[in-house]
Amino acid sequence: MPRKPRVEYAGAIYHVMSRGNRGDPIYRDGRDCETFLDTLDEACGRTGWRIHAFVLMGNHYHLLLETPEANLVAGMKWLQGTYTQRFNARHKLWGHLLQGRYKAIPVDRDAGGGYFPTVANYIHLNPVRTKVFDLGQEKLVDYRWSSYPLYLRPSKRPEWLVVDRVLGALGAGDDRAGREWYRKHMQKRVLEIAGNDTPRESDPAWDKIRRGWFFGSDDFRRELMVRIDDGLKGKRASSFSGEAIREHNEAEADKLIVQGLGKLGVLPGQLEGMRKGAPAKMALAWLVKKKTVVRNEWISERLSCGHPANIPGYVRRVELADGGQLAELKEILKSED
């Protein structure tokens, strides 16, 4: 089954989330939470990871994780595998604890865009958003299994927890005044969520965090596309899936079309004026299908070919052409010049 690509590079930052198999709990009590944090501590020691925010919920966890070295995949394999072994040993279980592949969304580290503190807030406010405790009786700082209380209590922090980036992006320092400002900032966000009938929609950016394949600016997206392109060299694109790969494939297909138009002596603006079954359009559709795995819907829209169901027939006609205009166009597009 096609899989989503992992974008790994030194200095990358990810929003990592993993959920229990079938939605089952991955922490049955406080001792399990302590075991996970001990395992995370070991993982950070092995990999050099820096954690900027975390929260452990009943059946899932979130991390805002930085990899000084390009070792996300190796580190996550060790972290999740080791915790699963320890959980199963304690509870006398066997088999998978976590559901499928973990989610790892690259996060733009550009301080000007506000992406970093937005993800940290999303993580720290998770207990409020999912209503796992009574806001009338407890405060967010009372939720033990989060990095938020540790932001306010520096003496309790593990070495791998880094708070400077999040606080700095909000204009606060890691001193008494800065921590008090952050406490008030978070309390304000708690009240906003508590007064909202749809807590998940309290911040418009949260939907992008939940659904997107990256979180950042357009420049960051373009940077990631280049990294994905480098990572796919020598591999079959059809072995991967997901929105990132779809964008990558469509970008590659568009390059082929632009190059093909140049070879055929056709101006980009002339495509729309041609009939949907024009030989040049059929030849370009053949080229794209031969070199990429983009969908027929994209090709038909890009080339103004009418219904997507037309594309297979066009491709077949060009492939079988053994003389005439279609064969000539095919040979032109096959040339390396």
C-alpha atoms as a PDB file:
ATOM      1  CA  MET A   1       0.000   0.000   0.000  1.00  0.00           C
ATOM      2  CA  PRO A   2       1.364   3.458  -0.898  1.00  0.00           C
ATOM      3  CA  ARG A   3       2.678   5.363   2.104  1.00  0.00           C
ATOM      4  CA  LYS A   4       3.183   9.030   2.881  1.00  0.00           C
ATOM      5  CA  PRO A   5       6.799  10.214   2.650  1.00  0.00           C
ATOM      6  CA  ARG A   6       8.867  11.087   5.695  1.00  0.00           C
ATOM      7  CA  VAL A   7      10.716  14.355   5.187  1.00  0.00           C
ATOM      8  CA  GLU A   8      13.919  14.086   7.234  1.00  0.00           C
ATOM      9  CA  TYR A   9      16.657  16.703   7.503  1.00  0.00           C
ATOM     10  CA  ALA A  10      18.948  18.131  10.161  1.00  0.00           C
ATOM     11  CA  GLY A  11      17.217  20.822  12.197  1.00  0.00           C
ATOM     12  CA  ALA A  12      13.701  19.778  11.182  1.00  0.00           C
ATOM     13  CA  ILE A  13      10.801  20.414  13.547  1.00  0.00           C
ATOM     14  CA  TYR A  14       7.699  18.224  13.569  1.00  0.00           C
ATOM     15  CA  HIS A  15       4.322  18.034  15.180  1.00  0.00           C
ATOM     16  CA  VAL A  16       4.220  14.312  15.968  1.00  0.00           C
ATOM     17  CA  MET A  17       1.020  12.530  16.965  1.00  0.00           C
ATOM     18  CA  SER A  18       0.252   8.856  17.485  1.00  0.00           C
ATOM     19  CA  ARG A  19      -2.942   7.168  18.618  1.00  0.00           C
ATOM     20  CA  GLY A  20      -3.772   3.851  20.249  1.00  0.00           C
ATOM     21  CA  ASN A  21      -4.729   0.898  18.087  1.00  0.00           C
ATOM     22  CA  ARG A  22      -8.510   0.972  17.507  1.00  0.00           C
ATOM     23  CA  GLY A  23      -8.566   4.095  19.671  1.00  0.00           C
ATOM     24  CA  ASP A  24      -7.705   2.064  22.780  1.00  0.00           C
ATOM     25  CA  PRO A  25      -5.868   3.680  25.725  1.00  0.00           C
ATOM     26  CA  ILE A  26      -2.083   3.752  25.559  1.00  0.00           C
ATOM     27  CA  TYR A  27      -1.830   5.008  29.149  1.00  0.00           C
ATOM     28  CA  ARG A  28      -3.950   3.199  31.714  1.00  0.00           C
ATOM     29  CA  ASP A  29      -2.645   5.128  34.705  1.00  0.00           C
ATOM     30  CA  GLY A  30       0.013   7.544  35.870  1.00  0.00           C
ATOM     31  CA  ARG A  31       2.655   4.852  35.954  1.00  0.00           C
ATOM     32  CA  ASP A  32       2.223   4.270  32.207  1.00  0.00           C
ATOM     33  CA  CYS A  33       2.613   8.010  31.617  1.00  0.00           C
ATOM     34  CA  GLU A  34       5.814   8.004  33.670  1.00  0.00           C
ATOM     35  CA  THR A  35       7.091   5.028  31.681  1.00  0.00           C
ATOM     36  CA  PHE A  36       6.429   6.856  28.417  1.00  0.00           C
ATOM     37  CA  LEU A  37       8.253   9.978  29.602  1.00  0.00           C
ATOM     38  CA  ASP A  38      11.175   7.852  30.824  1.00  0.00           C
ATOM     39  CA  THR A  39      11.274   6.202  27.391  1.00  0.00           C
ATOM     40  CA  LEU A  40      11.119   9.606  25.705  1.00  0.00           C
ATOM     41  CA  ASP A  41      14.007  10.727  27.924  1.00  0.00           C
ATOM     42  CA  GLU A  42      16.054   7.754  26.694  1.00  0.00           C
ATOM     43  CA  ALA A  43      15.084   8.429  23.081  1.00  0.00           C
ATOM     44  CA  CYS A  44      16.240  12.050  23.368  1.00  0.00           C
ATOM     45  CA  GLY A  45      19.530  10.856  24.862  1.00  0.00           C
ATOM     46  CA  ARG A  46      20.063   8.470  21.961  1.00  0.00           C
ATOM     47  CA  THR A  47      19.049  10.874  19.195  1.00  0.00           C
ATOM     48  CA  GLY A  48      19.796  14.369  20.490  1.00  0.00           C
ATOM     49  CA  TRP A  49      16.151  15.338  20.029  1.00  0.00           C
ATOM     50  CA  ARG A  50      14.799  18.513  21.612  1.00  0.00           C
ATOM     51  CA  ILE A  51      11.182  18.591  22.740  1.00  0.00           C
ATOM     52  CA  HIS A  52       9.485  21.992  22.700  1.00  0.00           C
ATOM     53  CA  ALA A  53       6.049  20.824  23.886  1.00  0.00           C
ATOM     54  CA  PHE A  54       4.282  17.565  24.717  1.00  0.00           C
ATOM     55  CA  VAL A  55       1.026  16.239  26.081  1.00  0.00           C
ATOM     56  CA  LEU A  56      -0.030  12.696  26.935  1.00  0.00           C
ATOM     57  CA  MET A  57      -3.746  11.983  26.601  1.00  0.00           C
ATOM     58  CA  GLY A  58      -5.593   8.755  27.322  1.00  0.00           C
ATOM     59  CA  ASN A  59      -5.300   7.186  23.879  1.00  0.00           C
ATOM     60  CA  HIS A  60      -2.781   9.409  22.092  1.00  0.00           C
ATOM     61  CA  TYR A  61       0.111  11.813  22.499  1.00  0.00           C
ATOM     62  CA  HIS A  62       1.454  14.971  20.841  1.00  0.00           C
ATOM     63  CA  LEU A  63       5.067  16.145  20.580  1.00  0.00           C
ATOM     64  CA  LEU A  64       6.611  19.317  19.151  1.00  0.00           C
ATOM     65  CA  LEU A  65       9.910  17.692  18.306  1.00  0.00           C
ATOM     66  CA  GLU A  66      13.162  19.025  16.838  1.00  0.00           C
ATOM     67  CA  THR A  67      15.749  16.729  15.247  1.00  0.00           C
ATOM     68  CA  PRO A  68      19.245  18.326  15.189  1.00  0.00           C
ATOM     69  CA  GLU A  69      20.210  15.304  13.073  1.00  0.00           C
ATOM     70  CA  ALA A  70      18.080  13.731  10.334  1.00  0.00           C
ATOM     71  CA  ASN A  71      16.911  10.823  12.507  1.00  0.00           C
ATOM     72  CA  LEU A  72      13.145  11.121  12.966  1.00  0.00           C
ATOM     73  CA  VAL A  73      12.353   7.672  11.555  1.00  0.00           C
ATOM     74  CA  ALA A  74      15.026   5.772  13.501  1.00  0.00           C
ATOM     75  CA  GLY A  75      14.198   7.602  16.724  1.00  0.00           C
ATOM     76  CA  MET A  76      10.444   7.106  16.430  1.00  0.00           C
ATOM     77  CA  LYS A  77      10.902   3.421  15.674  1.00  0.00           C
ATOM     78  CA  TRP A  78      12.896   3.033  18.891  1.00  0.00           C
ATOM     79  CA  LEU A  79      10.559   5.229  20.992  1.00  0.00           C
ATOM     80  CA  GLN A  80       7.309   3.600  19.973  1.00  0.00           C
ATOM     81  CA  GLY A  81       8.694   0.075  19.820  1.00  0.00           C
ATOM     82  CA  THR A  82      10.314   0.315  23.233  1.00  0.00           C
ATOM     83  CA  TYR A  83       7.281   1.850  24.916  1.00  0.00           C
ATOM     84  CA  THR A  84       5.028  -0.818  23.386  1.00  0.00           C
ATOM     85  CA  GLN A  85       7.281  -3.553  24.791  1.00  0.00           C
ATOM     86  CA  ARG A  86       7.249  -1.972  28.256  1.00  0.00           C
ATOM     87  CA  PHE A  87       3.483  -1.388  28.222  1.00  0.00           C
ATOM     88  CA  ASN A  88       2.768  -4.951  27.073  1.00  0.00           C
ATOM     89  CA  ALA A  89       5.162  -6.437  29.630  1.00  0.00           C
ATOM     90  CA  ARG A  90       3.538  -4.536  32.485  1.00  0.00           C
ATOM     91  CA  HIS A  91      -0.029  -5.378  31.453  1.00  0.00           C
ATOM     92  CA  LYS A  92       0.743  -8.905  30.207  1.00  0.00           C
ATOM     93  CA  LEU A  93      -0.379  -8.121  26.650  1.00  0.00           C
ATOM     94  CA  TRP A  94       1.067  -8.661  23.197  1.00  0.00           C
ATOM     95  CA  GLY A  95       0.683  -7.203  19.716  1.00  0.00           C
ATOM     96  CA  HIS A  96       0.312  -3.658  18.453  1.00  0.00           C
ATOM     97  CA  LEU A  97      -0.339  -0.851  20.899  1.00  0.00           C
ATOM     98  CA  LEU A  98      -0.278   2.076  18.458  1.00  0.00           C
ATOM     99  CA  GLN A  99      -2.436   2.511  15.384  1.00  0.00           C
ATOM    100  CA  GLY A 100      -0.698   2.448  12.003  1.00  0.00           C
ATOM    101  CA  ARG A 101       1.939   5.041  11.191  1.00  0.00           C
ATOM    102  CA  TYR A 102       2.496   8.003  13.457  1.00  0.00           C
ATOM    103  CA  LYS A 103       1.755  11.441  12.026  1.00  0.00           C
ATOM    104  CA  ALA A 104       4.731  13.798  11.656  1.00  0.00           C
ATOM    105  CA  ILE A 105       3.923  17.239  10.225  1.00  0.00           C
ATOM    106  CA  PRO A 106       6.913  19.502   9.419  1.00  0.00           C
ATOM    107  CA  VAL A 107       6.593  22.890  11.147  1.00  0.00           C
ATOM    108  CA  ASP A 108       8.027  26.149   9.851  1.00  0.00           C
ATOM    109  CA  ARG A 109      10.624  27.458  12.296  1.00  0.00           C
ATOM    110  CA  ASP A 110      10.297  31.050  10.992  1.00  0.00           C
ATOM    111  CA  ALA A 111       9.512  33.090  14.099  1.00  0.00           C
ATOM    112  CA  GLY A 112       7.769  35.778  12.063  1.00  0.00           C
ATOM    113  CA  GLY A 113       4.992  33.449  10.950  1.00  0.00           C
ATOM    114  CA  GLY A 114       3.884  32.444  14.439  1.00  0.00           C
ATOM    115  CA  TYR A 115       3.717  28.769  13.455  1.00  0.00           C
ATOM    116  CA  PHE A 116       5.863  27.508  16.302  1.00  0.00           C
ATOM    117  CA  PRO A 117       3.859  28.918  19.242  1.00  0.00           C
ATOM    118  CA  THR A 118       0.591  28.046  17.484  1.00  0.00           C
ATOM    119  CA  VAL A 119       1.507  24.342  17.509  1.00  0.00           C
ATOM    120  CA  ALA A 120       2.731  24.586  21.107  1.00  0.00           C
ATOM    121  CA  ASN A 121      -0.586  26.165  22.134  1.00  0.00           C
ATOM    122  CA  TYR A 122      -2.477  23.467  20.251  1.00  0.00           C
ATOM    123  CA  ILE A 123      -0.580  20.820  22.216  1.00  0.00           C
ATOM    124  CA  HIS A 124      -0.758  22.501  25.622  1.00  0.00           C
ATOM    125  CA  LEU A 125      -4.479  23.243  25.262  1.00  0.00           C
ATOM    126  CA  ASN A 126      -5.368  19.704  24.219  1.00  0.00           C
ATOM    127  CA  PRO A 127      -6.680  18.725  27.693  1.00  0.00           C
ATOM    128  CA  VAL A 128      -8.988  21.758  27.657  1.00  0.00           C
ATOM    129  CA  ARG A 129     -10.167  21.228  24.099  1.00  0.00           C
ATOM    130  CA  THR A 130     -11.023  17.584  24.725  1.00  0.00           C
ATOM    131  CA  LYS A 131     -12.483  18.316  28.190  1.00  0.00           C
ATOM    132  CA  VAL A 132     -10.517  15.664  30.079  1.00  0.00           C
ATOM    133  CA  PHE A 133     -10.785  17.617  33.328  1.00  0.00           C
ATOM    134  CA  ASP A 134     -13.245  19.971  35.020  1.00  0.00           C
ATOM    135  CA  LEU A 135     -12.285  23.584  34.367  1.00  0.00           C
ATOM    136  CA  GLY A 136     -14.433  24.624  37.275  1.00  0.00           C
ATOM    137  CA  GLN A 137     -12.360  22.565  39.690  1.00  0.00           C
ATOM    138  CA  GLU A 138      -8.890  22.450  38.127  1.00  0.00           C
ATOM    139  CA  LYS A 139      -6.449  24.671  36.260  1.00  0.00           C
ATOM    140  CA  LEU A 140      -4.471  23.785  33.141  1.00  0.00           C
ATOM    141  CA  VAL A 141      -1.273  23.870  35.172  1.00  0.00           C
ATOM    142  CA  ASP A 142      -2.668  20.992  37.264  1.00  0.00           C
ATOM    143  CA  TYR A 143      -2.625  18.630  34.293  1.00  0.00           C
ATOM    144  CA  ARG A 144       0.541  16.637  35.057  1.00  0.00           C
ATOM    145  CA  TRP A 145       1.142  14.930  31.734  1.00  0.00           C
ATOM    146  CA  SER A 146       1.985  18.012  29.715  1.00  0.00           C
ATOM    147  CA  SER A 147       4.980  20.271  29.279  1.00  0.00           C
ATOM    148  CA  TYR A 148       2.873  23.323  30.163  1.00  0.00           C
ATOM    149  CA  PRO A 149       3.393  23.043  33.973  1.00  0.00           C
ATOM    150  CA  LEU A 150       7.113  22.607  33.301  1.00  0.00           C
ATOM    151  CA  TYR A 151       7.184  25.897  31.385  1.00  0.00           C
ATOM    152  CA  LEU A 152       6.166  27.578  34.636  1.00  0.00           C
ATOM    153  CA  ARG A 153       8.386  25.464  36.929  1.00  0.00           C
ATOM    154  CA  PRO A 154      11.943  25.461  35.537  1.00  0.00           C
ATOM    155  CA  SER A 155      13.377  23.373  38.375  1.00  0.00           C
ATOM    156  CA  LYS A 156      11.206  20.419  37.295  1.00  0.00           C
ATOM    157  CA  ARG A 157      12.194  20.406  33.617  1.00  0.00           C
ATOM    158  CA  PRO A 158      14.070  17.493  32.040  1.00  0.00           C
ATOM    159  CA  GLU A 159      17.164  18.402  30.020  1.00  0.00           C
ATOM    160  CA  TRP A 160      15.479  17.627  26.707  1.00  0.00           C
ATOM    161  CA  LEU A 161      12.609  20.112  27.186  1.00  0.00           C
ATOM    162  CA  VAL A 162      13.408  23.445  25.516  1.00  0.00           C
ATOM    163  CA  VAL A 163      11.127  26.415  26.255  1.00  0.00           C
ATOM    164  CA  ASP A 164      13.089  29.350  24.832  1.00  0.00           C
ATOM    165  CA  ARG A 165      11.819  28.994  21.248  1.00  0.00           C
ATOM    166  CA  VAL A 166       8.127  29.072  22.151  1.00  0.00           C
ATOM    167  CA  LEU A 167       8.448  31.822  24.751  1.00  0.00           C
ATOM    168  CA  GLY A 168      10.721  33.868  22.510  1.00  0.00           C
ATOM    169  CA  ALA A 169       8.295  33.642  19.579  1.00  0.00           C
ATOM    170  CA  LEU A 170       5.640  35.136  21.860  1.00  0.00           C
ATOM    171  CA  GLY A 171       7.943  37.928  22.997  1.00  0.00           C
ATOM    172  CA  ALA A 172       8.523  36.475  26.464  1.00  0.00           C
ATOM    173  CA  GLY A 173      11.684  35.353  28.220  1.00  0.00           C
ATOM    174  CA  ASP A 174      12.386  32.331  30.400  1.00  0.00           C
ATOM    175  CA  ASP A 175      12.445  34.412  33.575  1.00  0.00           C
ATOM    176  CA  ARG A 176       9.884  35.080  36.315  1.00  0.00           C
ATOM    177  CA  ALA A 177       8.214  37.910  34.400  1.00  0.00           C
ATOM    178  CA  GLY A 178       8.160  35.957  31.140  1.00  0.00           C
ATOM    179  CA  ARG A 179       6.709  32.851  32.762  1.00  0.00           C
ATOM    180  CA  GLU A 180       4.008  34.885  34.514  1.00  0.00           C
ATOM    181  CA  TRP A 181       3.110  36.507  31.195  1.00  0.00           C
ATOM    182  CA  TYR A 182       2.884  33.074  29.581  1.00  0.00           C
ATOM    183  CA  ARG A 183       0.643  31.802  32.390  1.00  0.00           C
ATOM    184  CA  LYS A 184      -1.771  34.694  31.842  1.00  0.00           C
ATOM    185  CA  HIS A 185      -1.607  34.211  28.064  1.00  0.00           C
ATOM    186  CA  MET A 186      -2.551  30.554  28.402  1.00  0.00           C
ATOM    187  CA  GLN A 187      -5.277  31.276  30.937  1.00  0.00           C
ATOM    188  CA  LYS A 188      -6.826  33.672  28.450  1.00  0.00           C
ATOM    189  CA  ARG A 189      -6.785  30.936  25.804  1.00  0.00           C
ATOM    190  CA  VAL A 190      -8.369  28.493  28.267  1.00  0.00           C
ATOM    191  CA  LEU A 191     -11.249  30.901  28.883  1.00  0.00           C
ATOM    192  CA  GLU A 192     -11.722  31.390  25.132  1.00  0.00           C
ATOM    193  CA  ILE A 193     -12.075  27.640  24.653  1.00  0.00           C
ATOM    194  CA  ALA A 194     -14.303  27.205  27.704  1.00  0.00           C
ATOM    195  CA  GLY A 195     -16.728  29.789  26.337  1.00  0.00           C
ATOM    196  CA  ASN A 196     -16.819  28.265  22.847  1.00  0.00           C
ATOM    197  CA  ASP A 197     -19.543  25.800  21.864  1.00  0.00           C
ATOM    198  CA  THR A 198     -17.112  24.206  19.391  1.00  0.00           C
ATOM    199  CA  PRO A 199     -13.729  24.116  21.205  1.00  0.00           C
ATOM    200  CA  ARG A 200     -11.965  22.464  18.254  1.00  0.00           C
ATOM    201  CA  GLU A 201     -12.647  25.604  16.202  1.00  0.00           C
ATOM    202  CA  SER A 202     -11.353  28.098  18.770  1.00  0.00           C
ATOM    203  CA  ASP A 203      -8.351  28.873  16.576  1.00  0.00           C
ATOM    204  CA  PRO A 204      -8.693  28.837  12.724  1.00  0.00           C
ATOM    205  CA  ALA A 205      -5.085  27.626  12.401  1.00  0.00           C
ATOM    206  CA  TRP A 206      -5.833  24.414  14.300  1.00  0.00           C
ATOM    207  CA  ASP A 207      -7.669  22.895  11.358  1.00  0.00           C
ATOM    208  CA  LYS A 208      -4.512  23.274   9.254  1.00  0.00           C
ATOM    209  CA  ILE A 209      -2.514  21.547  11.991  1.00  0.00           C
ATOM    210  CA  ARG A 210      -4.956  18.635  12.060  1.00  0.00           C
ATOM    211  CA  ARG A 211      -5.461  18.200   8.322  1.00  0.00           C
ATOM    212  CA  GLY A 212      -2.422  19.572   6.495  1.00  0.00           C
ATOM    213  CA  TRP A 213       0.783  17.787   5.504  1.00  0.00           C
ATOM    214  CA  PHE A 214       2.898  20.720   6.721  1.00  0.00           C
ATOM    215  CA  PHE A 215       2.355  23.853   8.825  1.00  0.00           C
ATOM    216  CA  GLY A 216       4.052  26.985   7.581  1.00  0.00           C
ATOM    217  CA  SER A 217       4.459  29.557   4.828  1.00  0.00           C
ATOM    218  CA  ASP A 218       4.412  29.065   1.064  1.00  0.00           C
ATOM    219  CA  ASP A 219       8.203  29.450   1.044  1.00  0.00           C
ATOM    220  CA  PHE A 220       8.435  26.617   3.582  1.00  0.00           C
ATOM    221  CA  ARG A 221       6.148  24.457   1.425  1.00  0.00           C
ATOM    222  CA  ARG A 222       8.389  25.043  -1.601  1.00  0.00           C
ATOM    223  CA  GLU A 223      11.445  24.141   0.481  1.00  0.00           C
ATOM    224  CA  LEU A 224       9.765  20.897   1.537  1.00  0.00           C
ATOM    225  CA  MET A 225       8.836  20.074  -2.052  1.00  0.00           C
ATOM    226  CA  VAL A 226      12.509  20.300  -3.020  1.00  0.00           C
ATOM    227  CA  ARG A 227      13.420  17.993  -0.122  1.00  0.00           C
ATOM    228  CA  ILE A 228      10.707  15.527  -1.156  1.00  0.00           C
ATOM    229  CA  ASP A 229      11.996  15.631  -4.737  1.00  0.00           C
ATOM    230  CA  ASP A 230      15.519  14.829  -3.527  1.00  0.00           C
ATOM    231  CA  GLY A 231      14.189  12.060  -1.297  1.00  0.00           C
ATOM    232  CA  LEU A 232      12.255  10.401  -4.133  1.00  0.00           C
ATOM    233  CA  LYS A 233      15.190  10.171  -6.521  1.00  0.00           C
ATOM    234  CA  GLY A 234      15.779   6.547  -7.402  1.00  0.00           C
ATOM    235  CA  LYS A 235      12.428   5.497  -5.885  1.00  0.00           C
ATOM    236  CA  ARG A 236       9.040   4.786  -7.432  1.00  0.00           C
ATOM    237  CA  ALA A 237       6.703   7.735  -6.861  1.00  0.00           C
ATOM    238  CA  SER A 238       3.738   5.346  -6.940  1.00  0.00           C
ATOM    239  CA  SER A 239       5.079   3.771  -3.733  1.00  0.00           C
ATOM    240  CA  PHE A 240       4.125   6.932  -1.850  1.00  0.00           C
ATOM    241  CA  SER A 241       0.856   8.726  -1.222  1.00  0.00           C
ATOM    242  CA  GLY A 242      -0.552  11.747   0.549  1.00  0.00           C
ATOM    243  CA  GLU A 243      -1.068  15.410  -0.202  1.00  0.00           C
ATOM    244  CA  ALA A 244       2.659  16.174  -0.245  1.00  0.00           C
ATOM    245  CA  ILE A 245       3.293  13.568  -2.931  1.00  0.00           C
ATOM    246  CA  ARG A 246       0.246  14.692  -4.908  1.00  0.00           C
ATOM    247  CA  GLU A 247       1.595  18.269  -4.971  1.00  0.00           C
ATOM    248  CA  HIS A 248       5.042  17.009  -5.883  1.00  0.00           C
ATOM    249  CA  ASN A 249       3.717  14.868  -8.752  1.00  0.00           C
ATOM    250  CA  GLU A 250       1.553  17.662 -10.101  1.00  0.00           C
ATOM    251  CA  ALA A 251       4.481  20.075 -10.017  1.00  0.00           C
ATOM    252  CA  GLU A 252       6.610  17.566 -11.957  1.00  0.00           C
ATOM    253  CA  ALA A 253       3.802  16.987 -14.456  1.00  0.00           C
ATOM    254  CA  ASP A 254       3.435  20.719 -14.987  1.00  0.00           C
ATOM    255  CA  LYS A 255       7.154  20.996 -15.740  1.00  0.00           C
ATOM    256  CA  LEU A 256       6.800  18.253 -18.357  1.00  0.00           C
ATOM    257  CA  ILE A 257       3.895  20.072 -19.996  1.00  0.00           C
ATOM    258  CA  VAL A 258       5.783  23.372 -20.125  1.00  0.00           C
ATOM    259  CA  GLN A 259       8.832  21.612 -21.626  1.00  0.00           C
ATOM    260  CA  GLY A 260       6.594  19.717 -24.060  1.00  0.00           C
ATOM    261  CA  LEU A 261       4.873  22.877 -25.231  1.00  0.00           C
ATOM    262  CA  GLY A 262       8.281  24.365 -25.970  1.00  0.00           C
ATOM    263  CA  LYS A 263       9.308  21.317 -28.033  1.00  0.00           C
ATOM    264  CA  LEU A 264       6.047  21.410 -29.977  1.00  0.00           C
ATOM    265  CA  GLY A 265       6.253  25.163 -30.559  1.00  0.00           C
ATOM    266  CA  VAL A 266       2.939  25.783 -28.804  1.00  0.00           C
ATOM    267  CA  LEU A 267       2.417  28.807 -26.562  1.00  0.00           C
ATOM    268  CA  PRO A 268       0.841  28.063 -23.144  1.00  0.00           C
ATOM    269  CA  GLY A 269      -2.063  30.395 -23.881  1.00  0.00           C
ATOM    270  CA  GLN A 270      -2.927  28.480 -27.055  1.00  0.00           C
ATOM    271  CA  LEU A 271      -3.880  25.257 -25.244  1.00  0.00           C
ATOM    272  CA  GLU A 272      -7.296  26.395 -24.088  1.00  0.00           C
ATOM    273  CA  GLY A 273      -8.252  27.487 -27.597  1.00  0.00           C
ATOM    274  CA  MET A 274      -7.505  24.067 -29.111  1.00  0.00           C
ATOM    275  CA  ARG A 275     -10.227  21.455 -29.394  1.00  0.00           C
ATOM    276  CA  LYS A 276     -10.195  18.936 -26.583  1.00  0.00           C
ATOM    277  CA  GLY A 277      -8.924  16.119 -28.817  1.00  0.00           C
ATOM    278  CA  ALA A 278      -6.207  18.155 -30.562  1.00  0.00           C
ATOM    279  CA  PRO A 279      -3.121  16.037 -31.451  1.00  0.00           C
ATOM    280  CA  ALA A 280      -0.838  18.261 -29.330  1.00  0.00           C
ATOM    281  CA  LYS A 281      -3.065  17.738 -26.285  1.00  0.00           C
ATOM    282  CA  MET A 282      -3.175  13.996 -26.824  1.00  0.00           C
ATOM    283  CA  ALA A 283       0.612  13.854 -27.143  1.00  0.00           C
ATOM    284  CA  LEU A 284       1.104  15.909 -23.965  1.00  0.00           C
ATOM    285  CA  ALA A 285      -1.358  13.700 -22.084  1.00  0.00           C
ATOM    286  CA  TRP A 286       0.644  10.668 -23.240  1.00  0.00           C
ATOM    287  CA  LEU A 287       3.889  12.257 -22.025  1.00  0.00           C
ATOM    288  CA  VAL A 288       2.486  13.056 -18.584  1.00  0.00           C
ATOM    289  CA  LYS A 289       0.999   9.569 -18.118  1.00  0.00           C
ATOM    290  CA  LYS A 290       4.266   7.992 -19.231  1.00  0.00           C
ATOM    291  CA  LYS A 291       6.434  10.000 -16.850  1.00  0.00           C
ATOM    292  CA  THR A 292       4.244  10.611 -13.766  1.00  0.00           C
ATOM    293  CA  VAL A 293       1.434   9.106 -11.700  1.00  0.00           C
ATOM    294  CA  VAL A 294      -0.887  12.135 -11.644  1.00  0.00           C
ATOM    295  CA  ARG A 295      -4.592  11.506 -11.949  1.00  0.00           C
ATOM    296  CA  ASN A 296      -6.581  11.830 -15.181  1.00  0.00           C
ATOM    297  CA  GLU A 297      -8.693  14.568 -13.564  1.00  0.00           C
ATOM    298  CA  TRP A 298      -5.624  16.777 -13.172  1.00  0.00           C
ATOM    299  CA  ILE A 299      -4.450  16.127 -16.764  1.00  0.00           C
ATOM    300  CA  SER A 300      -7.851  16.846 -18.299  1.00  0.00           C
ATOM    301  CA  GLU A 301      -8.166  20.114 -16.381  1.00  0.00           C
ATOM    302  CA  ARG A 302      -4.579  21.224 -17.056  1.00  0.00           C
ATOM    303  CA  LEU A 303      -4.800  20.483 -20.799  1.00  0.00           C
ATOM    304  CA  SER A 304      -8.479  21.428 -21.230  1.00  0.00           C
ATOM    305  CA  CYS A 305      -9.252  17.953 -22.580  1.00  0.00           C
ATOM    306  CA  GLY A 306     -12.865  17.706 -21.460  1.00  0.00           C
ATOM    307  CA  HIS A 307     -13.936  14.740 -19.347  1.00  0.00           C
ATOM    308  CA  PRO A 308     -11.166  12.787 -17.513  1.00  0.00           C
ATOM    309  CA  ALA A 309     -12.467   9.594 -19.123  1.00  0.00           C
ATOM    310  CA  ASN A 310     -11.049  10.877 -22.439  1.00  0.00           C
ATOM    311  CA  ILE A 311      -7.443  10.648 -21.225  1.00  0.00           C
ATOM    312  CA  PRO A 312      -6.892   6.835 -21.426  1.00  0.00           C
ATOM    313  CA  GLY A 313      -8.111   6.807 -25.025  1.00  0.00           C
ATOM    314  CA  TYR A 314      -5.848   9.691 -26.007  1.00  0.00           C
ATOM    315  CA  VAL A 315      -2.847   8.031 -24.380  1.00  0.00           C
ATOM    316  CA  ARG A 316      -3.555   4.728 -26.097  1.00  0.00           C
ATOM    317  CA  ARG A 317      -3.860   6.380 -29.522  1.00  0.00           C
ATOM    318  CA  VAL A 318      -0.486   8.086 -29.133  1.00  0.00           C
ATOM    319  CA  GLU A 319       1.160   4.938 -27.768  1.00  0.00           C
ATOM    320  CA  LEU A 320      -0.039   2.870 -30.747  1.00  0.00           C
ATOM    321  CA  ALA A 321       0.652   5.547 -33.369  1.00  0.00           C
ATOM    322  CA  ASP A 322       3.045   4.194 -36.032  1.00  0.00           C
ATOM    323  CA  GLY A 323       2.909   6.981 -38.541  1.00  0.00           C
ATOM    324  CA  GLY A 324       1.180  10.304 -39.110  1.00  0.00           C
ATOM    325  CA  GLN A 325       0.997  13.394 -36.927  1.00  0.00           C
ATOM    326  CA  LEU A 326       0.612  11.635 -33.566  1.00  0.00           C
ATOM    327  CA  ALA A 327       3.713   9.517 -34.198  1.00  0.00           C
ATOM    328  CA  GLU A 328       5.688  12.631 -35.168  1.00  0.00           C
ATOM    329  CA  LEU A 329       4.595  14.493 -32.036  1.00  0.00           C
ATOM    330  CA  LYS A 330       5.475  11.473 -29.906  1.00  0.00           C
ATOM    331  CA  GLU A 331       9.001  11.363 -31.322  1.00  0.00           C
ATOM    332  CA  ILE A 332       9.454  15.096 -30.729  1.00  0.00           C
ATOM    333  CA  LEU A 333       8.426  14.737 -27.089  1.00  0.00           C
ATOM    334  CA  LYS A 334      10.682  11.716 -26.625  1.00  0.00           C
ATOM    335  CA  SER A 335      13.721  13.676 -27.773  1.00  0.00           C
ATOM    336  CA  GLU A 336      16.152  14.910 -25.104  1.00  0.00           C
ATOM    337  CA  ASP A 337      16.821  18.243 -26.809  1.00  0.00           C
END
